[in-house]
């Protein structure tokens, strides 16, 4: 009885979550690219590698696709609020200053070694 309820829940839940991730992305180009990438991941790392030797059933690979799609959709939704320009500028400035300081330190030490 419990397994029947679980099966019915999964069957009803598939229709709700199968396209829910697309609403979170809100970009046809990203959706298309992700679909191709996700399909290649599942094909190469699940179907071709080990699953096709165990079973011809496609339910598990489809479940992996749905899981990856929902994770990617959630990731897109969460990253939408990040200030990318400000974050990049801050990080690039920090990295440049660190490299400049390192360059000056190394160059002064190398210069002292050449003259000794």
PDB file of N, CA and C in Angstrom:
ATOM      1  N   UNK A   1       0.816  -1.201   0.000  1.00  0.00           N
ATOM      2  CA  UNK A   1       0.000   0.000   0.000  1.00  0.00           C
ATOM      3  C   UNK A   1       0.861   1.267   0.000  1.00  0.00           C
ATOM      4  N   UNK A   2       1.935   1.260   0.815  1.00  0.00           N
ATOM      5  CA  UNK A   2       2.813   2.436   0.893  1.00  0.00           C
ATOM      6  C   UNK A   2       3.536   2.663  -0.430  1.00  0.00           C
ATOM      7  N   UNK A   3       3.975   1.559  -1.074  1.00  0.00           N
ATOM      8  CA  UNK A   3       4.682   1.721  -2.343  1.00  0.00           C
ATOM      9  C   UNK A   3       3.741   2.245  -3.429  1.00  0.00           C
ATOM     10  N   UNK A   4       2.456   1.870  -3.343  1.00  0.00           N
ATOM     11  CA  UNK A   4       1.486   2.370  -4.308  1.00  0.00           C
ATOM     12  C   UNK A   4       1.272   3.878  -4.131  1.00  0.00           C
ATOM     13  N   UNK A   5       1.216   4.334  -2.864  1.00  0.00           N
ATOM     14  CA  UNK A   5       1.074   5.769  -2.591  1.00  0.00           C
ATOM     15  C   UNK A   5       2.301   6.525  -3.106  1.00  0.00           C
ATOM     16  N   UNK A   6       3.494   5.947  -2.883  1.00  0.00           N
ATOM     17  CA  UNK A   6       4.724   6.583  -3.339  1.00  0.00           C
ATOM     18  C   UNK A   6       4.734   6.688  -4.854  1.00  0.00           C
ATOM     19  N   UNK A   7       4.309   5.619  -5.527  1.00  0.00           N
ATOM     20  CA  UNK A   7       4.270   5.622  -6.985  1.00  0.00           C
ATOM     21  C   UNK A   7       3.289   6.672  -7.499  1.00  0.00           C
ATOM     22  N   UNK A   8       2.111   6.752  -6.869  1.00  0.00           N
ATOM     23  CA  UNK A   8       1.126   7.744  -7.288  1.00  0.00           C
ATOM     24  C   UNK A   8       1.637   9.156  -7.016  1.00  0.00           C
ATOM     25  N   UNK A   9       2.335   9.356  -5.891  1.00  0.00           N
ATOM     26  CA  UNK A   9       2.902  10.672  -5.583  1.00  0.00           C
ATOM     27  C   UNK A   9       3.935  11.057  -6.634  1.00  0.00           C
ATOM     28  N   UNK A  10       4.815  10.129  -6.976  1.00  0.00           N
ATOM     29  CA  UNK A  10       5.847  10.417  -7.980  1.00  0.00           C
ATOM     30  C   UNK A  10       5.219  10.675  -9.339  1.00  0.00           C
ATOM     31  N   UNK A  11       4.184   9.908  -9.666  1.00  0.00           N
ATOM     32  CA  UNK A  11       3.532  10.098 -10.959  1.00  0.00           C
ATOM     33  C   UNK A  11       2.863  11.468 -11.023  1.00  0.00           C
ATOM     34  N   UNK A  12       2.174  11.873  -9.964  1.00  0.00           N
ATOM     35  CA  UNK A  12       1.529  13.192  -9.935  1.00  0.00           C
ATOM     36  C   UNK A  12       2.559  14.306  -9.816  1.00  0.00           C
ATOM     37  N   UNK A  13       3.646  14.059  -9.124  1.00  0.00           N
ATOM     38  CA  UNK A  13       4.670  15.071  -8.889  1.00  0.00           C
ATOM     39  C   UNK A  13       5.496  15.339 -10.152  1.00  0.00           C
ATOM     40  N   UNK A  14       5.581  14.379 -11.058  1.00  0.00           N
ATOM     41  CA  UNK A  14       6.366  14.538 -12.288  1.00  0.00           C
ATOM     42  C   UNK A  14       5.838  15.697 -13.127  1.00  0.00           C
ATOM     43  N   UNK A  15       4.533  15.768 -13.272  1.00  0.00           N
ATOM     44  CA  UNK A  15       3.976  16.814 -14.125  1.00  0.00           C
ATOM     45  C   UNK A  15       4.190  18.197 -13.523  1.00  0.00           C
ATOM     46  N   UNK A  16       4.214  18.292 -12.196  1.00  0.00           N
ATOM     47  CA  UNK A  16       4.410  19.582 -11.550  1.00  0.00           C
ATOM     48  C   UNK A  16       5.848  20.066 -11.687  1.00  0.00           C
ATOM     49  N   UNK A  17       6.806  19.167 -11.518  1.00  0.00           N
ATOM     50  CA  UNK A  17       8.200  19.578 -11.484  1.00  0.00           C
ATOM     51  C   UNK A  17       8.905  19.488 -12.825  1.00  0.00           C
ATOM     52  N   UNK A  18       8.308  18.860 -13.821  1.00  0.00           N
ATOM     53  CA  UNK A  18       9.021  18.654 -15.078  1.00  0.00           C
ATOM     54  C   UNK A  18       9.323  19.972 -15.799  1.00  0.00           C
ATOM     55  N   UNK A  19       8.435  20.952 -15.700  1.00  0.00           N
ATOM     56  CA  UNK A  19       8.679  22.230 -16.365  1.00  0.00           C
ATOM     57  C   UNK A  19       8.815  23.391 -15.385  1.00  0.00           C
ATOM     58  N   UNK A  20       8.791  23.113 -14.112  1.00  0.00           N
ATOM     59  CA  UNK A  20       8.902  24.160 -13.095  1.00  0.00           C
ATOM     60  C   UNK A  20      10.263  24.853 -13.163  1.00  0.00           C
ATOM     61  N   UNK A  21      11.303  24.100 -13.477  1.00  0.00           N
ATOM     62  CA  UNK A  21      12.650  24.681 -13.539  1.00  0.00           C
ATOM     63  C   UNK A  21      12.769  25.700 -14.667  1.00  0.00           C
ATOM     64  N   UNK A  22      12.009  25.523 -15.743  1.00  0.00           N
ATOM     65  CA  UNK A  22      12.074  26.455 -16.874  1.00  0.00           C
ATOM     66  C   UNK A  22      11.552  27.837 -16.478  1.00  0.00           C
ATOM     67  N   UNK A  23      10.562  27.873 -15.596  1.00  0.00           N
ATOM     68  CA  UNK A  23      10.023  29.150 -15.133  1.00  0.00           C
ATOM     69  C   UNK A  23      11.054  29.900 -14.300  1.00  0.00           C
ATOM     70  N   UNK A  24      11.893  29.176 -13.594  1.00  0.00           N
ATOM     71  CA  UNK A  24      12.906  29.807 -12.749  1.00  0.00           C
ATOM     72  C   UNK A  24      14.047  30.392 -13.576  1.00  0.00           C
ATOM     73  N   UNK A  25      14.312  29.802 -14.733  1.00  0.00           N
ATOM     74  CA  UNK A  25      15.412  30.274 -15.586  1.00  0.00           C
ATOM     75  C   UNK A  25      14.987  31.511 -16.366  1.00  0.00           C
ATOM     76  N   UNK A  26      13.828  31.444 -17.004  1.00  0.00           N
ATOM     77  CA  UNK A  26      13.256  32.571 -17.727  1.00  0.00           C
ATOM     78  C   UNK A  26      14.139  33.035 -18.890  1.00  0.00           C
ATOM     79  N   UNK A  27      14.784  32.095 -19.578  1.00  0.00           N
ATOM     80  CA  UNK A  27      15.594  32.415 -20.753  1.00  0.00           C
ATOM     81  C   UNK A  27      15.637  31.185 -21.655  1.00  0.00           C
ATOM     82  N   UNK A  28      15.152  31.338 -22.859  1.00  0.00           N
ATOM     83  CA  UNK A  28      15.114  30.206 -23.803  1.00  0.00           C
ATOM     84  C   UNK A  28      16.514  29.745 -24.201  1.00  0.00           C
ATOM     85  N   UNK A  29      17.446  30.685 -24.321  1.00  0.00           N
ATOM     86  CA  UNK A  29      18.809  30.334 -24.725  1.00  0.00           C
ATOM     87  C   UNK A  29      19.485  29.494 -23.640  1.00  0.00           C
ATOM     88  N   UNK A  30      19.372  29.945 -22.397  1.00  0.00           N
ATOM     89  CA  UNK A  30      19.967  29.204 -21.280  1.00  0.00           C
ATOM     90  C   UNK A  30      19.274  27.862 -21.113  1.00  0.00           C
ATOM     91  N   UNK A  31      17.968  27.853 -21.273  1.00  0.00           N
ATOM     92  CA  UNK A  31      17.203  26.606 -21.169  1.00  0.00           C
ATOM     93  C   UNK A  31      17.670  25.591 -22.213  1.00  0.00           C
ATOM     94  N   UNK A  32      17.846  26.046 -23.443  1.00  0.00           N
ATOM     95  CA  UNK A  32      18.292  25.163 -24.522  1.00  0.00           C
ATOM     96  C   UNK A  32      19.700  24.622 -24.237  1.00  0.00           C
ATOM     97  N   UNK A  33      20.603  25.523 -23.836  1.00  0.00           N
ATOM     98  CA  UNK A  33      21.982  25.108 -23.552  1.00  0.00           C
ATOM     99  C   UNK A  33      22.019  24.139 -22.384  1.00  0.00           C
ATOM    100  N   UNK A  34      21.254  24.425 -21.330  1.00  0.00           N
ATOM    101  CA  UNK A  34      21.245  23.539 -20.164  1.00  0.00           C
ATOM    102  C   UNK A  34      20.665  22.178 -20.531  1.00  0.00           C
ATOM    103  N   UNK A  35      19.617  22.150 -21.325  1.00  0.00           N
ATOM    104  CA  UNK A  35      19.006  20.874 -21.718  1.00  0.00           C
ATOM    105  C   UNK A  35      20.006  20.008 -22.463  1.00  0.00           C
ATOM    106  N   UNK A  36      20.738  20.604 -23.392  1.00  0.00           N
ATOM    107  CA  UNK A  36      21.758  19.838 -24.123  1.00  0.00           C
ATOM    108  C   UNK A  36      22.853  19.340 -23.175  1.00  0.00           C
ATOM    109  N   UNK A  37      23.309  20.219 -22.294  1.00  0.00           N
ATOM    110  CA  UNK A  37      24.366  19.860 -21.351  1.00  0.00           C
ATOM    111  C   UNK A  37      23.899  18.770 -20.389  1.00  0.00           C
ATOM    112  N   UNK A  38      22.701  18.926 -19.843  1.00  0.00           N
ATOM    113  CA  UNK A  38      22.153  17.944 -18.906  1.00  0.00           C
ATOM    114  C   UNK A  38      21.965  16.587 -19.579  1.00  0.00           C
ATOM    115  N   UNK A  39      21.450  16.591 -20.797  1.00  0.00           N
ATOM    116  CA  UNK A  39      21.268  15.336 -21.531  1.00  0.00           C
ATOM    117  C   UNK A  39      22.603  14.638 -21.784  1.00  0.00           C
ATOM    118  N   UNK A  40      23.629  15.415 -22.105  1.00  0.00           N
ATOM    119  CA  UNK A  40      24.935  14.790 -22.341  1.00  0.00           C
ATOM    120  C   UNK A  40      25.524  14.245 -21.047  1.00  0.00           C
ATOM    121  N   UNK A  41      25.306  14.941 -19.926  1.00  0.00           N
ATOM    122  CA  UNK A  41      25.781  14.440 -18.631  1.00  0.00           C
ATOM    123  C   UNK A  41      25.116  13.113 -18.311  1.00  0.00           C
ATOM    124  N   UNK A  42      23.798  13.073 -18.410  1.00  0.00           N
ATOM    125  CA  UNK A  42      23.060  11.848 -18.086  1.00  0.00           C
ATOM    126  C   UNK A  42      23.435  10.724 -19.041  1.00  0.00           C
ATOM    127  N   UNK A  43      23.549  11.030 -20.315  1.00  0.00           N
ATOM    128  CA  UNK A  43      23.894  10.000 -21.292  1.00  0.00           C
ATOM    129  C   UNK A  43      25.285   9.421 -21.020  1.00  0.00           C
ATOM    130  N   UNK A  44      26.256  10.307 -20.811  1.00  0.00           N
ATOM    131  CA  UNK A  44      27.629   9.844 -20.655  1.00  0.00           C
ATOM    132  C   UNK A  44      27.888   9.220 -19.283  1.00  0.00           C
ATOM    133  N   UNK A  45      27.461   9.883 -18.208  1.00  0.00           N
ATOM    134  CA  UNK A  45      27.830   9.444 -16.862  1.00  0.00           C
ATOM    135  C   UNK A  45      26.852   8.482 -16.225  1.00  0.00           C
ATOM    136  N   UNK A  46      25.640   8.363 -16.770  1.00  0.00           N
ATOM    137  CA  UNK A  46      24.678   7.415 -16.191  1.00  0.00           C
ATOM    138  C   UNK A  46      24.398   6.281 -17.175  1.00  0.00           C
ATOM    139  N   UNK A  47      23.858   6.604 -18.320  1.00  0.00           N
ATOM    140  CA  UNK A  47      23.424   5.558 -19.257  1.00  0.00           C
ATOM    141  C   UNK A  47      24.593   4.778 -19.850  1.00  0.00           C
ATOM    142  N   UNK A  48      25.542   5.487 -20.473  1.00  0.00           N
ATOM    143  CA  UNK A  48      26.645   4.797 -21.149  1.00  0.00           C
ATOM    144  C   UNK A  48      27.595   4.126 -20.170  1.00  0.00           C
ATOM    145  N   UNK A  49      27.788   4.714 -19.019  1.00  0.00           N
ATOM    146  CA  UNK A  49      28.789   4.206 -18.089  1.00  0.00           C
ATOM    147  C   UNK A  49      28.345   2.942 -17.356  1.00  0.00           C
ATOM    148  N   UNK A  50      27.152   2.961 -16.774  1.00  0.00           N
ATOM    149  CA  UNK A  50      26.796   1.814 -15.951  1.00  0.00           C
ATOM    150  C   UNK A  50      25.325   1.425 -15.999  1.00  0.00           C
ATOM    151  N   UNK A  51      24.407   2.346 -16.189  1.00  0.00           N
ATOM    152  CA  UNK A  51      23.000   2.013 -16.011  1.00  0.00           C
ATOM    153  C   UNK A  51      22.449   1.132 -17.124  1.00  0.00           C
ATOM    154  N   UNK A  52      22.854   1.353 -18.354  1.00  0.00           N
ATOM    155  CA  UNK A  52      22.311   0.553 -19.459  1.00  0.00           C
ATOM    156  C   UNK A  52      22.682  -0.921 -19.335  1.00  0.00           C
ATOM    157  N   UNK A  53      23.768  -1.229 -18.633  1.00  0.00           N
ATOM    158  CA  UNK A  53      24.129  -2.628 -18.399  1.00  0.00           C
ATOM    159  C   UNK A  53      23.216  -3.275 -17.363  1.00  0.00           C
ATOM    160  N   UNK A  54      22.624  -2.456 -16.494  1.00  0.00           N
ATOM    161  CA  UNK A  54      21.745  -2.986 -15.455  1.00  0.00           C
ATOM    162  C   UNK A  54      20.304  -3.136 -15.904  1.00  0.00           C
ATOM    163  N   UNK A  55      19.812  -2.129 -16.648  1.00  0.00           N
ATOM    164  CA  UNK A  55      18.393  -2.140 -16.993  1.00  0.00           C
ATOM    165  C   UNK A  55      18.142  -1.311 -18.250  1.00  0.00           C
ATOM    166  N   UNK A  56      17.202  -1.749 -19.078  1.00  0.00           N
ATOM    167  CA  UNK A  56      16.835  -0.943 -20.244  1.00  0.00           C
ATOM    168  C   UNK A  56      15.815   0.157 -19.889  1.00  0.00           C
ATOM    169  N   UNK A  57      15.327   0.131 -18.655  1.00  0.00           N
ATOM    170  CA  UNK A  57      14.328   1.092 -18.206  1.00  0.00           C
ATOM    171  C   UNK A  57      14.894   2.508 -18.206  1.00  0.00           C
ATOM    172  N   UNK A  58      14.103   3.473 -18.631  1.00  0.00           N
ATOM    173  CA  UNK A  58      14.555   4.861 -18.708  1.00  0.00           C
ATOM    174  C   UNK A  58      14.016   5.737 -17.575  1.00  0.00           C
ATOM    175  N   UNK A  59      13.373   5.130 -16.592  1.00  0.00           N
ATOM    176  CA  UNK A  59      12.801   5.914 -15.494  1.00  0.00           C
ATOM    177  C   UNK A  59      13.890   6.557 -14.625  1.00  0.00           C
ATOM    178  N   UNK A  60      14.929   5.819 -14.314  1.00  0.00           N
ATOM    179  CA  UNK A  60      16.004   6.369 -13.482  1.00  0.00           C
ATOM    180  C   UNK A  60      16.750   7.506 -14.174  1.00  0.00           C
ATOM    181  N   UNK A  61      17.180   7.355 -15.434  1.00  0.00           N
ATOM    182  CA  UNK A  61      17.817   8.502 -16.099  1.00  0.00           C
ATOM    183  C   UNK A  61      16.910   9.731 -16.189  1.00  0.00           C
ATOM    184  N   UNK A  62      15.613   9.523 -16.385  1.00  0.00           N
ATOM    185  CA  UNK A  62      14.677  10.651 -16.415  1.00  0.00           C
ATOM    186  C   UNK A  62      14.578  11.308 -15.046  1.00  0.00           C
ATOM    187  N   UNK A  63      14.627  10.513 -14.003  1.00  0.00           N
ATOM    188  CA  UNK A  63      14.592  11.056 -12.640  1.00  0.00           C
ATOM    189  C   UNK A  63      15.861  11.868 -12.354  1.00  0.00           C
ATOM    190  N   UNK A  64      16.996  11.394 -12.850  1.00  0.00           N
ATOM    191  CA  UNK A  64      18.253  12.144 -12.696  1.00  0.00           C
ATOM    192  C   UNK A  64      18.157  13.463 -13.450  1.00  0.00           C
ATOM    193  N   UNK A  65      17.605  13.440 -14.656  1.00  0.00           N
ATOM    194  CA  UNK A  65      17.408  14.681 -15.426  1.00  0.00           C
ATOM    195  C   UNK A  65      16.523  15.667 -14.672  1.00  0.00           C
ATOM    196  N   UNK A  66      15.414  15.153 -14.123  1.00  0.00           N
ATOM    197  CA  UNK A  66      14.505  16.029 -13.371  1.00  0.00           C
ATOM    198  C   UNK A  66      15.200  16.626 -12.161  1.00  0.00           C
ATOM    199  N   UNK A  67      16.001  15.830 -11.488  1.00  0.00           N
ATOM    200  CA  UNK A  67      16.728  16.320 -10.320  1.00  0.00           C
ATOM    201  C   UNK A  67      17.749  17.385 -10.712  1.00  0.00           C
ATOM    202  N   UNK A  68      18.526  17.129 -11.751  1.00  0.00           N
ATOM    203  CA  UNK A  68      19.500  18.112 -12.222  1.00  0.00           C
ATOM    204  C   UNK A  68      18.811  19.392 -12.701  1.00  0.00           C
ATOM    205  N   UNK A  69      17.685  19.243 -13.392  1.00  0.00           N
ATOM    206  CA  UNK A  69      16.949  20.424 -13.858  1.00  0.00           C
ATOM    207  C   UNK A  69      16.436  21.264 -12.696  1.00  0.00           C
ATOM    208  N   UNK A  70      15.909  20.615 -11.672  1.00  0.00           N
ATOM    209  CA  UNK A  70      15.391  21.382 -10.536  1.00  0.00           C
ATOM    210  C   UNK A  70      16.521  22.062  -9.776  1.00  0.00           C
ATOM    211  N   UNK A  71      17.675  21.402  -9.655  1.00  0.00           N
ATOM    212  CA  UNK A  71      18.829  22.016  -8.993  1.00  0.00           C
ATOM    213  C   UNK A  71      19.305  23.224  -9.791  1.00  0.00           C
ATOM    214  N   UNK A  72      19.399  23.085 -11.103  1.00  0.00           N
ATOM    215  CA  UNK A  72      19.847  24.192 -11.944  1.00  0.00           C
ATOM    216  C   UNK A  72      18.855  25.352 -11.909  1.00  0.00           C
ATOM    217  N   UNK A  73      17.570  25.045 -11.931  1.00  0.00           N
ATOM    218  CA  UNK A  73      16.558  26.091 -11.848  1.00  0.00           C
ATOM    219  C   UNK A  73      16.654  26.861 -10.546  1.00  0.00           C
ATOM    220  N   UNK A  74      16.846  26.145  -9.454  1.00  0.00           N
ATOM    221  CA  UNK A  74      16.990  26.797  -8.150  1.00  0.00           C
ATOM    222  C   UNK A  74      18.263  27.634  -8.095  1.00  0.00           C
ATOM    223  N   UNK A  75      19.326  27.129  -8.667  1.00  0.00           N
ATOM    224  CA  UNK A  75      20.586  27.869  -8.718  1.00  0.00           C
ATOM    225  C   UNK A  75      20.423  29.167  -9.514  1.00  0.00           C
ATOM    226  N   UNK A  76      19.737  29.096 -10.650  1.00  0.00           N
ATOM    227  CA  UNK A  76      19.487  30.295 -11.455  1.00  0.00           C
ATOM    228  C   UNK A  76      18.649  31.306 -10.692  1.00  0.00           C
ATOM    229  N   UNK A  77      17.653  30.825  -9.997  1.00  0.00           N
ATOM    230  CA  UNK A  77      16.786  31.713  -9.229  1.00  0.00           C
ATOM    231  C   UNK A  77      17.564  32.423  -8.125  1.00  0.00           C
ATOM    232  N   UNK A  78      18.436  31.703  -7.452  1.00  0.00           N
ATOM    233  CA  UNK A  78      19.206  32.291  -6.349  1.00  0.00           C
ATOM    234  C   UNK A  78      20.292  33.240  -6.833  1.00  0.00           C
ATOM    235  N   UNK A  79      20.887  32.949  -7.978  1.00  0.00           N
ATOM    236  CA  UNK A  79      21.968  33.807  -8.466  1.00  0.00           C
ATOM    237  C   UNK A  79      21.456  35.063  -9.162  1.00  0.00           C
ATOM    238  N   UNK A  80      20.177  35.136  -9.416  1.00  0.00           N
ATOM    239  CA  UNK A  80      19.621  36.308 -10.073  1.00  0.00           C
ATOM    240  C   UNK A  80      19.782  37.570  -9.222  1.00  0.00           C
ATOM    241  N   UNK A  81      19.815  37.422  -7.920  1.00  0.00           N
ATOM    242  CA  UNK A  81      19.915  38.571  -7.033  1.00  0.00           C
ATOM    243  C   UNK A  81      21.333  39.040  -6.749  1.00  0.00           C
ATOM    244  N   UNK A  82      22.334  38.402  -7.336  1.00  0.00           N
ATOM    245  CA  UNK A  82      23.727  38.771  -7.066  1.00  0.00           C
ATOM    246  C   UNK A  82      24.130  39.947  -7.948  1.00  0.00           C
ATOM    247  N   UNK A  83      24.825  40.918  -7.359  1.00  0.00           N
ATOM    248  CA  UNK A  83      25.357  42.052  -8.109  1.00  0.00           C
ATOM    249  C   UNK A  83      26.688  41.618  -8.736  1.00  0.00           C
ATOM    250  N   UNK A  84      26.636  41.128  -9.961  1.00  0.00           N
ATOM    251  CA  UNK A  84      27.805  40.547 -10.609  1.00  0.00           C
ATOM    252  C   UNK A  84      28.861  41.607 -10.906  1.00  0.00           C
ATOM    253  N   UNK A  85      28.453  42.760 -11.416  1.00  0.00           N
ATOM    254  CA  UNK A  85      29.429  43.797 -11.774  1.00  0.00           C
ATOM    255  C   UNK A  85      30.201  44.271 -10.557  1.00  0.00           C
ATOM    256  N   UNK A  86      29.493  44.585  -9.487  1.00  0.00           N
ATOM    257  CA  UNK A  86      30.155  45.052  -8.273  1.00  0.00           C
ATOM    258  C   UNK A  86      31.066  44.002  -7.681  1.00  0.00           C
ATOM    259  N   UNK A  87      30.588  42.760  -7.685  1.00  0.00           N
ATOM    260  CA  UNK A  87      31.386  41.667  -7.129  1.00  0.00           C
ATOM    261  C   UNK A  87      32.654  41.440  -7.948  1.00  0.00           C
ATOM    262  N   UNK A  88      32.531  41.461  -9.277  1.00  0.00           N
ATOM    263  CA  UNK A  88      33.702  41.268 -10.132  1.00  0.00           C
ATOM    264  C   UNK A  88      34.707  42.400  -9.964  1.00  0.00           C
ATOM    265  N   UNK A  89      34.211  43.625  -9.952  1.00  0.00           N
ATOM    266  CA  UNK A  89      35.119  44.763  -9.783  1.00  0.00           C
ATOM    267  C   UNK A  89      35.868  44.682  -8.453  1.00  0.00           C
ATOM    268  N   UNK A  90      35.157  44.362  -7.391  1.00  0.00           N
ATOM    269  CA  UNK A  90      35.794  44.253  -6.082  1.00  0.00           C
ATOM    270  C   UNK A  90      36.835  43.141  -6.070  1.00  0.00           C
ATOM    271  N   UNK A  91      36.467  41.988  -6.601  1.00  0.00           N
ATOM    272  CA  UNK A  91      37.390  40.847  -6.599  1.00  0.00           C
ATOM    273  C   UNK A  91      38.587  41.092  -7.505  1.00  0.00           C
ATOM    274  N   UNK A  92      38.368  41.675  -8.682  1.00  0.00           N
ATOM    275  CA  UNK A  92      39.479  41.937  -9.609  1.00  0.00           C
ATOM    276  C   UNK A  92      40.453  42.942  -9.007  1.00  0.00           C
ATOM    277  N   UNK A  93      39.917  43.985  -8.392  1.00  0.00           N
ATOM    278  CA  UNK A  93      40.796  44.976  -7.750  1.00  0.00           C
ATOM    279  C   UNK A  93      41.623  44.331  -6.646  1.00  0.00           C
ATOM    280  N   UNK A  94      40.989  43.478  -5.867  1.00  0.00           N
ATOM    281  CA  UNK A  94      41.701  42.804  -4.776  1.00  0.00           C
ATOM    282  C   UNK A  94      42.816  41.901  -5.331  1.00  0.00           C
ATOM    283  N   UNK A  95      42.531  41.148  -6.365  1.00  0.00           N
ATOM    284  CA  UNK A  95      43.526  40.258  -6.965  1.00  0.00           C
ATOM    285  C   UNK A  95      44.662  41.051  -7.596  1.00  0.00           C
ATOM    286  N   UNK A  96      44.335  42.123  -8.298  1.00  0.00           N
ATOM    287  CA  UNK A  96      45.374  42.949  -8.912  1.00  0.00           C
ATOM    288  C   UNK A  96      46.299  43.569  -7.857  1.00  0.00           C
ATOM    289  N   UNK A  97      45.743  44.071  -6.786  1.00  0.00           N
ATOM    290  CA  UNK A  97      46.559  44.670  -5.727  1.00  0.00           C
ATOM    291  C   UNK A  97      47.457  43.615  -5.071  1.00  0.00           C
ATOM    292  N   UNK A  98      46.922  42.438  -4.852  1.00  0.00           N
ATOM    293  CA  UNK A  98      47.711  41.363  -4.251  1.00  0.00           C
ATOM    294  C   UNK A  98      48.862  40.959  -5.168  1.00  0.00           C
ATOM    295  N   UNK A  99      48.593  40.853  -6.476  1.00  0.00           N
ATOM    296  CA  UNK A  99      49.641  40.490  -7.428  1.00  0.00           C
ATOM    297  C   UNK A  99      50.680  41.593  -7.576  1.00  0.00           C
ATOM    298  N   UNK A 100      50.267  42.838  -7.545  1.00  0.00           N
ATOM    299  CA  UNK A 100      51.194  43.958  -7.625  1.00  0.00           C
ATOM    300  C   UNK A 100      52.118  43.990  -6.412  1.00  0.00           C
ATOM    301  N   UNK A 101      51.552  43.764  -5.243  1.00  0.00           N
ATOM    302  CA  UNK A 101      52.361  43.714  -4.023  1.00  0.00           C
ATOM    303  C   UNK A 101      53.350  42.558  -4.078  1.00  0.00           C
ATOM    304  N   UNK A 102      52.901  41.410  -4.523  1.00  0.00           N
ATOM    305  CA  UNK A 102      53.772  40.245  -4.648  1.00  0.00           C
ATOM    306  C   UNK A 102      54.879  40.507  -5.666  1.00  0.00           C
ATOM    307  N   UNK A 103      54.539  41.122  -6.798  1.00  0.00           N
ATOM    308  CA  UNK A 103      55.524  41.444  -7.821  1.00  0.00           C
ATOM    309  C   UNK A 103      56.591  42.390  -7.268  1.00  0.00           C
ATOM    310  N   UNK A 104      56.167  43.411  -6.546  1.00  0.00           N
ATOM    311  CA  UNK A 104      57.123  44.369  -5.983  1.00  0.00           C
ATOM    312  C   UNK A 104      58.028  43.700  -4.962  1.00  0.00           C
ATOM    313  N   UNK A 105      57.475  42.833  -4.123  1.00  0.00           N
ATOM    314  CA  UNK A 105      58.273  42.130  -3.123  1.00  0.00           C
ATOM    315  C   UNK A 105      59.311  41.238  -3.779  1.00  0.00           C
ATOM    316  N   UNK A 106      58.887  40.452  -4.738  1.00  0.00           N
ATOM    317  CA  UNK A 106      59.795  39.532  -5.425  1.00  0.00           C
ATOM    318  C   UNK A 106      60.842  40.300  -6.208  1.00  0.00           C
ATOM    319  N   UNK A 107      60.420  41.349  -6.904  1.00  0.00           N
ATOM    320  CA  UNK A 107      61.377  42.099  -7.706  1.00  0.00           C
ATOM    321  C   UNK A 107      62.411  42.802  -6.837  1.00  0.00           C
ATOM    322  N   UNK A 108      62.028  43.281  -5.660  1.00  0.00           N
ATOM    323  CA  UNK A 108      63.028  43.918  -4.781  1.00  0.00           C
ATOM    324  C   UNK A 108      63.992  42.888  -4.209  1.00  0.00           C
ATOM    325  N   UNK A 109      63.514  41.700  -3.922  1.00  0.00           N
ATOM    326  CA  UNK A 109      64.395  40.647  -3.392  1.00  0.00           C
ATOM    327  C   UNK A 109      65.346  40.135  -4.483  1.00  0.00           C
ATOM    328  N   UNK A 110      64.826  39.965  -5.686  1.00  0.00           N
ATOM    329  CA  UNK A 110      65.681  39.507  -6.790  1.00  0.00           C
ATOM    330  C   UNK A 110      66.729  40.565  -7.108  1.00  0.00           C
ATOM    331  N   UNK A 111      66.342  41.829  -7.082  1.00  0.00           N
ATOM    332  CA  UNK A 111      67.281  42.917  -7.343  1.00  0.00           C
ATOM    333  C   UNK A 111      68.410  42.937  -6.322  1.00  0.00           C
ATOM    334  N   UNK A 112      68.110  42.686  -5.063  1.00  0.00           N
ATOM    335  CA  UNK A 112      69.139  42.661  -4.023  1.00  0.00           C
ATOM    336  C   UNK A 112      70.067  41.467  -4.209  1.00  0.00           C
ATOM    337  N   UNK A 113      69.538  40.341  -4.680  1.00  0.00           N
ATOM    338  CA  UNK A 113      70.366  39.147  -4.858  1.00  0.00           C
ATOM    339  C   UNK A 113      71.350  39.321  -6.013  1.00  0.00           C
ATOM    340  N   UNK A 114      70.943  40.029  -7.069  1.00  0.00           N
ATOM    341  CA  UNK A 114      71.821  40.213  -8.219  1.00  0.00           C
ATOM    342  C   UNK A 114      73.051  41.057  -7.865  1.00  0.00           C
ATOM    343  N   UNK A 115      72.881  41.991  -6.956  1.00  0.00           N
ATOM    344  CA  UNK A 115      73.972  42.906  -6.628  1.00  0.00           C
ATOM    345  C   UNK A 115      74.860  42.382  -5.495  1.00  0.00           C
ATOM    346  N   UNK A 116      74.520  41.296  -4.853  1.00  0.00           N
ATOM    347  CA  UNK A 116      75.333  40.765  -3.750  1.00  0.00           C
ATOM    348  C   UNK A 116      76.422  39.853  -4.234  1.00  0.00           C
TER     349      UNK A 116
END
